[in-house]
PDB file of N, CA and C in Angstrom:
ATOM      1  N   UNK A   1      16.824-209.327 -86.541  1.00  0.00           N
ATOM      2  CA  UNK A   1      16.121-210.603 -86.539  1.00  0.00           C
ATOM      3  C   UNK A   1      16.020-211.144 -85.117  1.00  0.00           C
ATOM      4  N   UNK A   2      17.126-211.052 -84.369  1.00  0.00           N
ATOM      5  CA  UNK A   2      17.120-211.526 -82.989  1.00  0.00           C
ATOM      6  C   UNK A   2      16.128-210.761 -82.125  1.00  0.00           C
ATOM      7  N   UNK A   3      16.061-209.448 -82.307  1.00  0.00           N
ATOM      8  CA  UNK A   3      15.131-208.634 -81.528  1.00  0.00           C
ATOM      9  C   UNK A   3      13.689-208.998 -81.846  1.00  0.00           C
ATOM     10  N   UNK A   4      13.405-209.300 -83.112  1.00  0.00           N
ATOM     11  CA  UNK A   4      12.054-209.695 -83.499  1.00  0.00           C
ATOM     12  C   UNK A   4      11.664-211.018 -82.823  1.00  0.00           C
ATOM     13  N   UNK A   5      12.604-211.967 -82.789  1.00  0.00           N
ATOM     14  CA  UNK A   5      12.367-213.249 -82.128  1.00  0.00           C
ATOM     15  C   UNK A   5      12.052-213.032 -80.646  1.00  0.00           C
ATOM     16  N   UNK A   6      12.877-212.219 -79.985  1.00  0.00           N
ATOM     17  CA  UNK A   6      12.669-211.968 -78.556  1.00  0.00           C
ATOM     18  C   UNK A   6      11.350-211.245 -78.323  1.00  0.00           C
ATOM     19  N   UNK A   7      11.062-210.211 -79.122  1.00  0.00           N
ATOM     20  CA  UNK A   7       9.809-209.468 -78.957  1.00  0.00           C
ATOM     21  C   UNK A   7       8.612-210.388 -79.113  1.00  0.00           C
ATOM     22  N   UNK A   8       8.573-211.152 -80.185  1.00  0.00           N
ATOM     23  CA  UNK A   8       7.411-212.012 -80.450  1.00  0.00           C
ATOM     24  C   UNK A   8       7.200-213.024 -79.334  1.00  0.00           C
ATOM     25  N   UNK A   9       8.266-213.642 -78.880  1.00  0.00           N
ATOM     26  CA  UNK A   9       8.104-214.661 -77.857  1.00  0.00           C
ATOM     27  C   UNK A   9       7.825-214.073 -76.477  1.00  0.00           C
ATOM     28  N   UNK A  10       8.182-212.831 -76.253  1.00  0.00           N
ATOM     29  CA  UNK A  10       7.791-212.153 -75.018  1.00  0.00           C
ATOM     30  C   UNK A  10       6.354-211.661 -75.138  1.00  0.00           C
ATOM     31  N   UNK A  11       6.042-211.051 -76.252  1.00  0.00           N
ATOM     32  CA  UNK A  11       4.744-210.408 -76.422  1.00  0.00           C
ATOM     33  C   UNK A  11       3.581-211.389 -76.363  1.00  0.00           C
ATOM     34  N   UNK A  12       3.736-212.593 -76.908  1.00  0.00           N
ATOM     35  CA  UNK A  12       2.605-213.538 -76.935  1.00  0.00           C
ATOM     36  C   UNK A  12       2.174-213.959 -75.535  1.00  0.00           C
ATOM     37  N   UNK A  13       3.014-213.776 -74.548  1.00  0.00           N
ATOM     38  CA  UNK A  13       2.675-214.180 -73.185  1.00  0.00           C
ATOM     39  C   UNK A  13       2.242-213.027 -72.291  1.00  0.00           C
ATOM     40  N   UNK A  14       2.328-211.793 -72.791  1.00  0.00           N
ATOM     41  CA  UNK A  14       2.058-210.640 -71.933  1.00  0.00           C
ATOM     42  C   UNK A  14       1.201-209.552 -72.572  1.00  0.00           C
ATOM     43  N   UNK A  15       1.446-209.214 -73.795  1.00  0.00           N
ATOM     44  CA  UNK A  15       0.990-207.949 -74.365  1.00  0.00           C
ATOM     45  C   UNK A  15      -0.514-207.843 -74.583  1.00  0.00           C
ATOM     46  N   UNK A  16      -1.229-208.941 -74.694  1.00  0.00           N
ATOM     47  CA  UNK A  16      -2.664-208.865 -74.959  1.00  0.00           C
ATOM     48  C   UNK A  16      -3.500-208.900 -73.690  1.00  0.00           C
ATOM     49  N   UNK A  17      -2.870-208.953 -72.546  1.00  0.00           N
ATOM     50  CA  UNK A  17      -3.590-209.032 -71.280  1.00  0.00           C
ATOM     51  C   UNK A  17      -3.715-207.663 -70.634  1.00  0.00           C
ATOM     52  N   UNK A  18      -4.633-207.590 -69.691  1.00  0.00           N
ATOM     53  CA  UNK A  18      -4.882-206.323 -68.997  1.00  0.00           C
ATOM     54  C   UNK A  18      -3.636-205.867 -68.245  1.00  0.00           C
ATOM     55  N   UNK A  19      -3.517-204.578 -68.087  1.00  0.00           N
ATOM     56  CA  UNK A  19      -2.403-204.026 -67.314  1.00  0.00           C
ATOM     57  C   UNK A  19      -2.800-203.990 -65.840  1.00  0.00           C
ATOM     58  N   UNK A  20      -1.824-203.807 -64.983  1.00  0.00           N
ATOM     59  CA  UNK A  20      -2.091-203.664 -63.561  1.00  0.00           C
ATOM     60  C   UNK A  20      -2.491-202.211 -63.316  1.00  0.00           C
ATOM     61  N   UNK A  21      -3.677-202.026 -62.806  1.00  0.00           N
ATOM     62  CA  UNK A  21      -4.160-200.678 -62.518  1.00  0.00           C
ATOM     63  C   UNK A  21      -3.446-200.132 -61.282  1.00  0.00           C
ATOM     64  N   UNK A  22      -3.305-198.802 -61.178  1.00  0.00           N
ATOM     65  CA  UNK A  22      -2.582-198.217 -60.035  1.00  0.00           C
ATOM     66  C   UNK A  22      -3.141-198.634 -58.670  1.00  0.00           C
ATOM     67  N   UNK A  23      -4.456-198.832 -58.582  1.00  0.00           N
ATOM     68  CA  UNK A  23      -5.058-199.184 -57.291  1.00  0.00           C
ATOM     69  C   UNK A  23      -5.253-200.694 -57.133  1.00  0.00           C
ATOM     70  N   UNK A  24      -4.731-201.485 -58.051  1.00  0.00           N
ATOM     71  CA  UNK A  24      -4.859-202.936 -57.977  1.00  0.00           C
ATOM     72  C   UNK A  24      -3.735-203.513 -57.121  1.00  0.00           C
ATOM     73  N   UNK A  25      -4.102-204.342 -56.194  1.00  0.00           N
ATOM     74  CA  UNK A  25      -3.124-204.960 -55.307  1.00  0.00           C
ATOM     75  C   UNK A  25      -3.255-206.476 -55.425  1.00  0.00           C
ATOM     76  N   UNK A  26      -2.608-207.025 -56.429  1.00  0.00           N
ATOM     77  CA  UNK A  26      -2.660-208.460 -56.679  1.00  0.00           C
ATOM     78  C   UNK A  26      -1.522-209.164 -55.958  1.00  0.00           C
ATOM     79  N   UNK A  27      -1.821-210.357 -55.461  1.00  0.00           N
ATOM     80  CA  UNK A  27      -0.749-211.174 -54.898  1.00  0.00           C
ATOM     81  C   UNK A  27       0.117-211.663 -56.042  1.00  0.00           C
ATOM     82  N   UNK A  28       1.250-212.228 -55.700  1.00  0.00           N
ATOM     83  CA  UNK A  28       2.173-212.757 -56.705  1.00  0.00           C
ATOM     84  C   UNK A  28       1.478-213.801 -57.577  1.00  0.00           C
ATOM     85  N   UNK A  29       0.699-214.691 -56.959  1.00  0.00           N
ATOM     86  CA  UNK A  29       0.002-215.745 -57.701  1.00  0.00           C
ATOM     87  C   UNK A  29      -1.115-215.148 -58.560  1.00  0.00           C
ATOM     88  N   UNK A  30      -1.857-214.195 -58.008  1.00  0.00           N
ATOM     89  CA  UNK A  30      -2.908-213.541 -58.791  1.00  0.00           C
ATOM     90  C   UNK A  30      -2.318-212.802 -59.988  1.00  0.00           C
ATOM     91  N   UNK A  31      -1.174-212.178 -59.791  1.00  0.00           N
ATOM     92  CA  UNK A  31      -0.519-211.492 -60.903  1.00  0.00           C
ATOM     93  C   UNK A  31      -0.165-212.495 -61.998  1.00  0.00           C
ATOM     94  N   UNK A  32       0.404-213.621 -61.625  1.00  0.00           N
ATOM     95  CA  UNK A  32       0.758-214.648 -62.614  1.00  0.00           C
ATOM     96  C   UNK A  32      -0.481-215.145 -63.345  1.00  0.00           C
ATOM     97  N   UNK A  33      -1.595-215.245 -62.631  1.00  0.00           N
ATOM     98  CA  UNK A  33      -2.839-215.732 -63.241  1.00  0.00           C
ATOM     99  C   UNK A  33      -3.461-214.701 -64.174  1.00  0.00           C
ATOM    100  N   UNK A  34      -3.450-213.457 -63.777  1.00  0.00           N
ATOM    101  CA  UNK A  34      -4.198-212.432 -64.516  1.00  0.00           C
ATOM    102  C   UNK A  34      -3.394-211.661 -65.554  1.00  0.00           C
ATOM    103  N   UNK A  35      -2.076-211.756 -65.499  1.00  0.00           N
ATOM    104  CA  UNK A  35      -1.273-210.904 -66.369  1.00  0.00           C
ATOM    105  C   UNK A  35      -0.235-211.647 -67.209  1.00  0.00           C
ATOM    106  N   UNK A  36      -0.322-212.971 -67.216  1.00  0.00           N
ATOM    107  CA  UNK A  36       0.521-213.772 -68.104  1.00  0.00           C
ATOM    108  C   UNK A  36      -0.314-214.907 -68.678  1.00  0.00           C
ATOM    109  N   UNK A  37       0.129-215.440 -69.774  1.00  0.00           N
ATOM    110  CA  UNK A  37      -0.560-216.569 -70.399  1.00  0.00           C
ATOM    111  C   UNK A  37       0.475-217.573 -70.884  1.00  0.00           C
ATOM    112  N   UNK A  38       0.056-218.797 -70.984  1.00  0.00           N
ATOM    113  CA  UNK A  38       0.911-219.839 -71.549  1.00  0.00           C
ATOM    114  C   UNK A  38       0.516-220.072 -72.995  1.00  0.00           C
ATOM    115  N   UNK A  39       1.471-220.453 -73.807  1.00  0.00           N
ATOM    116  CA  UNK A  39       1.184-220.922 -75.162  1.00  0.00           C
ATOM    117  C   UNK A  39       1.120-222.439 -75.109  1.00  0.00           C
ATOM    118  N   UNK A  40       0.148-222.996 -75.798  1.00  0.00           N
ATOM    119  CA  UNK A  40      -0.070-224.446 -75.759  1.00  0.00           C
ATOM    120  C   UNK A  40       1.221-225.206 -76.006  1.00  0.00           C
ATOM    121  N   UNK A  41       1.510-226.171 -75.135  1.00  0.00           N
ATOM    122  CA  UNK A  41       2.740-226.936 -75.317  1.00  0.00           C
ATOM    123  C   UNK A  41       2.672-227.866 -76.521  1.00  0.00           C
ATOM    124  N   UNK A  42       3.755-227.965 -77.208  1.00  0.00           N
ATOM    125  CA  UNK A  42       3.948-228.923 -78.305  1.00  0.00           C
ATOM    126  C   UNK A  42       5.459-229.034 -78.481  1.00  0.00           C
ATOM    127  N   UNK A  43       5.892-230.029 -79.201  1.00  0.00           N
ATOM    128  CA  UNK A  43       7.342-230.196 -79.369  1.00  0.00           C
ATOM    129  C   UNK A  43       7.971-228.966 -80.002  1.00  0.00           C
ATOM    130  N   UNK A  44       7.288-228.387 -81.010  1.00  0.00           N
ATOM    131  CA  UNK A  44       7.902-227.254 -81.697  1.00  0.00           C
ATOM    132  C   UNK A  44       7.817-225.980 -80.872  1.00  0.00           C
ATOM    133  N   UNK A  45       6.695-225.768 -80.148  1.00  0.00           N
ATOM    134  CA  UNK A  45       6.546-224.541 -79.357  1.00  0.00           C
ATOM    135  C   UNK A  45       7.486-224.581 -78.145  1.00  0.00           C
ATOM    136  N   UNK A  46       7.604-225.740 -77.516  1.00  0.00           N
ATOM    137  CA  UNK A  46       8.554-225.870 -76.402  1.00  0.00           C
ATOM    138  C   UNK A  46       9.966-225.540 -76.884  1.00  0.00           C
ATOM    139  N   UNK A  47      10.320-226.050 -78.064  1.00  0.00           N
ATOM    140  CA  UNK A  47      11.648-225.793 -78.623  1.00  0.00           C
ATOM    141  C   UNK A  47      11.796-224.323 -79.033  1.00  0.00           C
ATOM    142  N   UNK A  48      10.830-223.813 -79.794  1.00  0.00           N
ATOM    143  CA  UNK A  48      10.891-222.457 -80.335  1.00  0.00           C
ATOM    144  C   UNK A  48      10.980-221.409 -79.232  1.00  0.00           C
ATOM    145  N   UNK A  49      10.222-221.627 -78.145  1.00  0.00           N
ATOM    146  CA  UNK A  49      10.190-220.655 -77.059  1.00  0.00           C
ATOM    147  C   UNK A  49      11.100-221.047 -75.887  1.00  0.00           C
ATOM    148  N   UNK A  50      11.854-222.110 -76.069  1.00  0.00           N
ATOM    149  CA  UNK A  50      12.777-222.580 -75.025  1.00  0.00           C
ATOM    150  C   UNK A  50      12.067-222.780 -73.681  1.00  0.00           C
ATOM    151  N   UNK A  51      10.879-223.349 -73.765  1.00  0.00           N
ATOM    152  CA  UNK A  51      10.028-223.628 -72.596  1.00  0.00           C
ATOM    153  C   UNK A  51       9.495-222.380 -71.913  1.00  0.00           C
ATOM    154  N   UNK A  52       9.694-221.210 -72.497  1.00  0.00           N
ATOM    155  CA  UNK A  52       9.079-220.006 -71.934  1.00  0.00           C
ATOM    156  C   UNK A  52       7.635-219.840 -72.395  1.00  0.00           C
ATOM    157  N   UNK A  53       7.125-220.833 -73.127  1.00  0.00           N
ATOM    158  CA  UNK A  53       5.694-220.855 -73.405  1.00  0.00           C
ATOM    159  C   UNK A  53       4.927-221.211 -72.129  1.00  0.00           C
ATOM    160  N   UNK A  54       5.632-221.646 -71.095  1.00  0.00           N
ATOM    161  CA  UNK A  54       5.060-221.864 -69.764  1.00  0.00           C
ATOM    162  C   UNK A  54       5.322-220.602 -68.944  1.00  0.00           C
ATOM    163  N   UNK A  55       4.753-219.508 -69.379  1.00  0.00           N
ATOM    164  CA  UNK A  55       5.055-218.206 -68.793  1.00  0.00           C
ATOM    165  C   UNK A  55       4.485-218.072 -67.377  1.00  0.00           C
ATOM    166  N   UNK A  56       3.341-218.684 -67.126  1.00  0.00           N
ATOM    167  CA  UNK A  56       2.761-218.632 -65.777  1.00  0.00           C
ATOM    168  C   UNK A  56       3.726-219.265 -64.783  1.00  0.00           C
ATOM    169  N   UNK A  57       4.219-220.443 -65.127  1.00  0.00           N
ATOM    170  CA  UNK A  57       5.171-221.130 -64.258  1.00  0.00           C
ATOM    171  C   UNK A  57       6.467-220.334 -64.122  1.00  0.00           C
ATOM    172  N   UNK A  58       6.885-219.710 -65.208  1.00  0.00           N
ATOM    173  CA  UNK A  58       8.098-218.880 -65.185  1.00  0.00           C
ATOM    174  C   UNK A  58       7.938-217.722 -64.200  1.00  0.00           C
ATOM    175  N   UNK A  59       6.758-217.085 -64.181  1.00  0.00           N
ATOM    176  CA  UNK A  59       6.536-215.972 -63.263  1.00  0.00           C
ATOM    177  C   UNK A  59       6.454-216.440 -61.816  1.00  0.00           C
ATOM    178  N   UNK A  60       5.904-217.624 -61.600  1.00  0.00           N
ATOM    179  CA  UNK A  60       5.808-218.146 -60.237  1.00  0.00           C
ATOM    180  C   UNK A  60       7.154-218.638 -59.713  1.00  0.00           C
ATOM    181  N   UNK A  61       7.941-219.232 -60.593  1.00  0.00           N
ATOM    182  CA  UNK A  61       9.225-219.826 -60.214  1.00  0.00           C
ATOM    183  C   UNK A  61      10.326-219.335 -61.159  1.00  0.00           C
ATOM    184  N   UNK A  62      10.706-218.063 -61.053  1.00  0.00           N
ATOM    185  CA  UNK A  62      11.653-217.495 -62.022  1.00  0.00           C
ATOM    186  C   UNK A  62      13.044-218.115 -62.015  1.00  0.00           C
ATOM    187  N   UNK A  63      13.444-218.718 -60.921  1.00  0.00           N
ATOM    188  CA  UNK A  63      14.783-219.315 -60.894  1.00  0.00           C
ATOM    189  C   UNK A  63      14.782-220.804 -61.257  1.00  0.00           C
ATOM    190  N   UNK A  64      13.606-221.368 -61.494  1.00  0.00           N
ATOM    191  CA  UNK A  64      13.532-222.778 -61.881  1.00  0.00           C
ATOM    192  C   UNK A  64      14.014-222.935 -63.323  1.00  0.00           C
ATOM    193  N   UNK A  65      14.825-223.938 -63.608  1.00  0.00           N
ATOM    194  CA  UNK A  65      15.230-224.169 -65.005  1.00  0.00           C
ATOM    195  C   UNK A  65      13.988-224.363 -65.887  1.00  0.00           C
ATOM    196  N   UNK A  66      13.972-223.684 -67.020  1.00  0.00           N
ATOM    197  CA  UNK A  66      12.794-223.666 -67.880  1.00  0.00           C
ATOM    198  C   UNK A  66      12.341-225.049 -68.329  1.00  0.00           C
ATOM    199  N   UNK A  67      13.265-225.974 -68.538  1.00  0.00           N
ATOM    200  CA  UNK A  67      12.868-227.295 -69.021  1.00  0.00           C
ATOM    201  C   UNK A  67      12.082-228.078 -67.968  1.00  0.00           C
ATOM    202  N   UNK A  68      12.029-227.576 -66.737  1.00  0.00           N
ATOM    203  CA  UNK A  68      11.241-228.218 -65.673  1.00  0.00           C
ATOM    204  C   UNK A  68       9.775-227.738 -65.657  1.00  0.00           C
ATOM    205  N   UNK A  69       9.482-226.647 -66.339  1.00  0.00           N
ATOM    206  CA  UNK A  69       8.129-226.092 -66.318  1.00  0.00           C
ATOM    207  C   UNK A  69       7.047-227.092 -66.740  1.00  0.00           C
ATOM    208  N   UNK A  70       7.254-227.913 -67.774  1.00  0.00           N
ATOM    209  CA  UNK A  70       6.206-228.878 -68.120  1.00  0.00           C
ATOM    210  C   UNK A  70       5.870-229.846 -66.980  1.00  0.00           C
ATOM    211  N   UNK A  71       6.829-230.156 -66.141  1.00  0.00           N
ATOM    212  CA  UNK A  71       6.580-231.072 -65.013  1.00  0.00           C
ATOM    213  C   UNK A  71       5.661-230.454 -63.961  1.00  0.00           C
ATOM    214  N   UNK A  72       5.799-229.152 -63.719  1.00  0.00           N
ATOM    215  CA  UNK A  72       5.003-228.525 -62.665  1.00  0.00           C
ATOM    216  C   UNK A  72       3.703-227.914 -63.181  1.00  0.00           C
ATOM    217  N   UNK A  73       3.565-227.760 -64.494  1.00  0.00           N
ATOM    218  CA  UNK A  73       2.384-227.111 -65.065  1.00  0.00           C
ATOM    219  C   UNK A  73       1.064-227.752 -64.601  1.00  0.00           C
ATOM    220  N   UNK A  74       0.925-229.073 -64.597  1.00  0.00           N
ATOM    221  CA  UNK A  74      -0.345-229.649 -64.125  1.00  0.00           C
ATOM    222  C   UNK A  74      -0.655-229.302 -62.663  1.00  0.00           C
ATOM    223  N   UNK A  75       0.374-229.230 -61.831  1.00  0.00           N
ATOM    224  CA  UNK A  75       0.153-228.881 -60.421  1.00  0.00           C
ATOM    225  C   UNK A  75      -0.243-227.412 -60.277  1.00  0.00           C
ATOM    226  N   UNK A  76       0.375-226.542 -61.075  1.00  0.00           N
ATOM    227  CA  UNK A  76       0.022-225.119 -61.037  1.00  0.00           C
ATOM    228  C   UNK A  76      -1.417-224.937 -61.519  1.00  0.00           C
ATOM    229  N   UNK A  77      -1.774-225.619 -62.597  1.00  0.00           N
ATOM    230  CA  UNK A  77      -3.148-225.533 -63.113  1.00  0.00           C
ATOM    231  C   UNK A  77      -4.147-226.005 -62.056  1.00  0.00           C
ATOM    232  N   UNK A  78      -3.856-227.108 -61.368  1.00  0.00           N
ATOM    233  CA  UNK A  78      -4.741-227.615 -60.315  1.00  0.00           C
ATOM    234  C   UNK A  78      -4.858-226.613 -59.166  1.00  0.00           C
ATOM    235  N   UNK A  79      -3.751-225.983 -58.799  1.00  0.00           N
ATOM    236  CA  UNK A  79      -3.771-224.962 -57.748  1.00  0.00           C
ATOM    237  C   UNK A  79      -4.665-223.796 -58.153  1.00  0.00           C
ATOM    238  N   UNK A  80      -4.528-223.347 -59.395  1.00  0.00           N
ATOM    239  CA  UNK A  80      -5.358-222.243 -59.881  1.00  0.00           C
ATOM    240  C   UNK A  80      -6.834-222.632 -59.839  1.00  0.00           C
ATOM    241  N   UNK A  81      -7.157-223.831 -60.308  1.00  0.00           N
ATOM    242  CA  UNK A  81      -8.552-224.286 -60.301  1.00  0.00           C
ATOM    243  C   UNK A  81      -9.095-224.347 -58.876  1.00  0.00           C
ATOM    244  N   UNK A  82      -8.304-224.849 -57.959  1.00  0.00           N
ATOM    245  CA  UNK A  82      -8.709-224.964 -56.557  1.00  0.00           C
ATOM    246  C   UNK A  82      -9.068-223.604 -55.968  1.00  0.00           C
ATOM    247  N   UNK A  83      -8.354-222.553 -56.386  1.00  0.00           N
ATOM    248  CA  UNK A  83      -8.560-221.221 -55.827  1.00  0.00           C
ATOM    249  C   UNK A  83      -9.327-220.281 -56.756  1.00  0.00           C
ATOM    250  N   UNK A  84      -9.943-220.830 -57.797  1.00  0.00           N
ATOM    251  CA  UNK A  84     -10.788-220.031 -58.681  1.00  0.00           C
ATOM    252  C   UNK A  84     -10.045-219.055 -59.567  1.00  0.00           C
ATOM    253  N   UNK A  85      -8.776-219.350 -59.872  1.00  0.00           N
ATOM    254  CA  UNK A  85      -7.989-218.484 -60.756  1.00  0.00           C
ATOM    255  C   UNK A  85      -7.982-219.068 -62.164  1.00  0.00           C
ATOM    256  N   UNK A  86      -7.986-218.192 -63.146  1.00  0.00           N
ATOM    257  CA  UNK A  86      -7.971-218.625 -64.546  1.00  0.00           C
ATOM    258  C   UNK A  86      -6.551-218.989 -64.965  1.00  0.00           C
ATOM    259  N   UNK A  87      -6.387-220.177 -65.524  1.00  0.00           N
ATOM    260  CA  UNK A  87      -5.098-220.641 -66.051  1.00  0.00           C
ATOM    261  C   UNK A  87      -5.186-220.494 -67.557  1.00  0.00           C
ATOM    262  N   UNK A  88      -4.671-219.392 -68.074  1.00  0.00           N
ATOM    263  CA  UNK A  88      -4.844-219.024 -69.486  1.00  0.00           C
ATOM    264  C   UNK A  88      -3.822-219.727 -70.373  1.00  0.00           C
ATOM    265  N   UNK A  89      -4.319-220.549 -71.281  1.00  0.00           N
ATOM    266  CA  UNK A  89      -3.471-221.240 -72.265  1.00  0.00           C
ATOM    267  C   UNK A  89      -4.073-220.989 -73.637  1.00  0.00           C
ATOM    268  N   UNK A  90      -3.256-220.515 -74.555  1.00  0.00           N
ATOM    269  CA  UNK A  90      -3.701-220.246 -75.932  1.00  0.00           C
ATOM    270  C   UNK A  90      -2.685-220.837 -76.893  1.00  0.00           C
ATOM    271  N   UNK A  91      -3.143-221.125 -78.082  1.00  0.00           N
ATOM    272  CA  UNK A  91      -2.223-221.541 -79.125  1.00  0.00           C
ATOM    273  C   UNK A  91      -1.270-220.402 -79.455  1.00  0.00           C
ATOM    274  N   UNK A  92      -0.072-220.740 -79.932  1.00  0.00           N
ATOM    275  CA  UNK A  92       0.944-219.726 -80.234  1.00  0.00           C
ATOM    276  C   UNK A  92       0.413-218.697 -81.224  1.00  0.00           C
ATOM    277  N   UNK A  93      -0.209-219.143 -82.304  1.00  0.00           N
ATOM    278  CA  UNK A  93      -0.674-218.207 -83.332  1.00  0.00           C
ATOM    279  C   UNK A  93      -1.917-217.450 -82.882  1.00  0.00           C
ATOM    280  N   UNK A  94      -2.743-218.067 -82.053  1.00  0.00           N
ATOM    281  CA  UNK A  94      -3.875-217.361 -81.462  1.00  0.00           C
ATOM    282  C   UNK A  94      -3.366-216.238 -80.551  1.00  0.00           C
ATOM    283  N   UNK A  95      -2.378-216.553 -79.724  1.00  0.00           N
ATOM    284  CA  UNK A  95      -1.800-215.542 -78.840  1.00  0.00           C
ATOM    285  C   UNK A  95      -1.128-214.428 -79.652  1.00  0.00           C
ATOM    286  N   UNK A  96      -0.469-214.796 -80.744  1.00  0.00           N
ATOM    287  CA  UNK A  96       0.169-213.797 -81.607  1.00  0.00           C
ATOM    288  C   UNK A  96      -0.894-212.873 -82.220  1.00  0.00           C
ATOM    289  N   UNK A  97      -1.987-213.451 -82.707  1.00  0.00           N
ATOM    290  CA  UNK A  97      -3.082-212.642 -83.261  1.00  0.00           C
ATOM    291  C   UNK A  97      -3.632-211.691 -82.190  1.00  0.00           C
ATOM    292  N   UNK A  98      -3.915-212.235 -80.993  1.00  0.00           N
ATOM    293  CA  UNK A  98      -4.445-211.410 -79.902  1.00  0.00           C
ATOM    294  C   UNK A  98      -3.479-210.282 -79.549  1.00  0.00           C
ATOM    295  N   UNK A  99      -2.191-210.570 -79.584  1.00  0.00           N
ATOM    296  CA  UNK A  99      -1.168-209.574 -79.276  1.00  0.00           C
ATOM    297  C   UNK A  99      -1.202-208.428 -80.276  1.00  0.00           C
ATOM    298  N   UNK A 100      -1.175-208.749 -81.563  1.00  0.00           N
ATOM    299  CA  UNK A 100      -1.165-207.687 -82.572  1.00  0.00           C
ATOM    300  C   UNK A 100      -2.492-206.943 -82.641  1.00  0.00           C
ATOM    301  N   UNK A 101      -3.609-207.643 -82.367  1.00  0.00           N
ATOM    302  CA  UNK A 101      -4.910-206.963 -82.310  1.00  0.00           C
ATOM    303  C   UNK A 101      -4.921-205.964 -81.153  1.00  0.00           C
ATOM    304  N   UNK A 102      -4.351-206.351 -80.019  1.00  0.00           N
ATOM    305  CA  UNK A 102      -4.289-205.452 -78.872  1.00  0.00           C
ATOM    306  C   UNK A 102      -3.372-204.264 -79.150  1.00  0.00           C
ATOM    307  N   UNK A 103      -2.219-204.517 -79.751  1.00  0.00           N
ATOM    308  CA  UNK A 103      -1.310-203.412 -80.080  1.00  0.00           C
ATOM    309  C   UNK A 103      -1.973-202.433 -81.047  1.00  0.00           C
ATOM    310  N   UNK A 104      -2.740-202.954 -81.993  1.00  0.00           N
ATOM    311  CA  UNK A 104      -3.479-202.100 -82.927  1.00  0.00           C
ATOM    312  C   UNK A 104      -4.505-201.253 -82.176  1.00  0.00           C
ATOM    313  N   UNK A 105      -5.228-201.878 -81.269  1.00  0.00           N
ATOM    314  CA  UNK A 105      -6.240-201.170 -80.481  1.00  0.00           C
ATOM    315  C   UNK A 105      -5.608-200.084 -79.611  1.00  0.00           C
ATOM    316  N   UNK A 106      -4.521-200.431 -78.937  1.00  0.00           N
ATOM    317  CA  UNK A 106      -3.834-199.458 -78.082  1.00  0.00           C
ATOM    318  C   UNK A 106      -3.295-198.301 -78.921  1.00  0.00           C
ATOM    319  N   UNK A 107      -2.763-198.604 -80.099  1.00  0.00           N
ATOM    320  CA  UNK A 107      -2.259-197.554 -80.983  1.00  0.00           C
ATOM    321  C   UNK A 107      -3.351-196.605 -81.431  1.00  0.00           C
ATOM    322  N   UNK A 108      -4.525-197.162 -81.750  1.00  0.00           N
ATOM    323  CA  UNK A 108      -5.642-196.302 -82.165  1.00  0.00           C
ATOM    324  C   UNK A 108      -6.149-195.450 -81.006  1.00  0.00           C
ATOM    325  N   UNK A 109      -6.168-196.004 -79.796  1.00  0.00           N
ATOM    326  CA  UNK A 109      -6.575-195.224 -78.623  1.00  0.00           C
ATOM    327  C   UNK A 109      -5.604-194.071 -78.381  1.00  0.00           C
ATOM    328  N   UNK A 110      -4.317-194.350 -78.497  1.00  0.00           N
ATOM    329  CA  UNK A 110      -3.315-193.292 -78.305  1.00  0.00           C
ATOM    330  C   UNK A 110      -3.464-192.216 -79.372  1.00  0.00           C
ATOM    331  N   UNK A 111      -3.754-192.651 -80.593  1.00  0.00           N
ATOM    332  CA  UNK A 111      -3.938-191.712 -81.705  1.00  0.00           C
ATOM    333  C   UNK A 111      -5.128-190.799 -81.433  1.00  0.00           C
ATOM    334  N   UNK A 112      -6.228-191.360 -80.910  1.00  0.00           N
ATOM    335  CA  UNK A 112      -7.414-190.561 -80.601  1.00  0.00           C
ATOM    336  C   UNK A 112      -7.109-189.533 -79.511  1.00  0.00           C
ATOM    337  N   UNK A 113      -6.365-189.950 -78.501  1.00  0.00           N
ATOM    338  CA  UNK A 113      -6.024-189.024 -77.395  1.00  0.00           C
ATOM    339  C   UNK A 113      -5.096-187.920 -77.848  1.00  0.00           C
ATOM    340  N   UNK A 114      -4.281-188.203 -78.861  1.00  0.00           N
ATOM    341  CA  UNK A 114      -3.338-187.209 -79.358  1.00  0.00           C
ATOM    342  C   UNK A 114      -3.973-186.149 -80.232  1.00  0.00           C
ATOM    343  N   UNK A 115      -5.176-186.390 -80.703  1.00  0.00           N
ATOM    344  CA  UNK A 115      -5.840-185.414 -81.589  1.00  0.00           C
ATOM    345  C   UNK A 115      -6.621-184.403 -80.824  1.00  0.00           C
TER     346      UNK A 115
END
């Protein structure tokens, strides 16, 4: 049960996004923008994910206490907008759907390559 909780809360912020290609050279900020997503904040999602629904902020400031992420999120979003980076925020269940749809797609691609 614990592993399922950890997997789901990790996967919704990472698994449905593009991977880093071998020849891609993203800066730390670009990586946070293009390869992580936030789940929409709410009292229950903040509690359920222990503020790791602010995954973009977590990647930018990994040593910052998680409960501080909501305070800096508006500034990070403004920084991304200023520099033309996408600040990806999705609802928890939307992100979960996207995650499992992507895992299904990746599984079918692997199955095709194996035949």
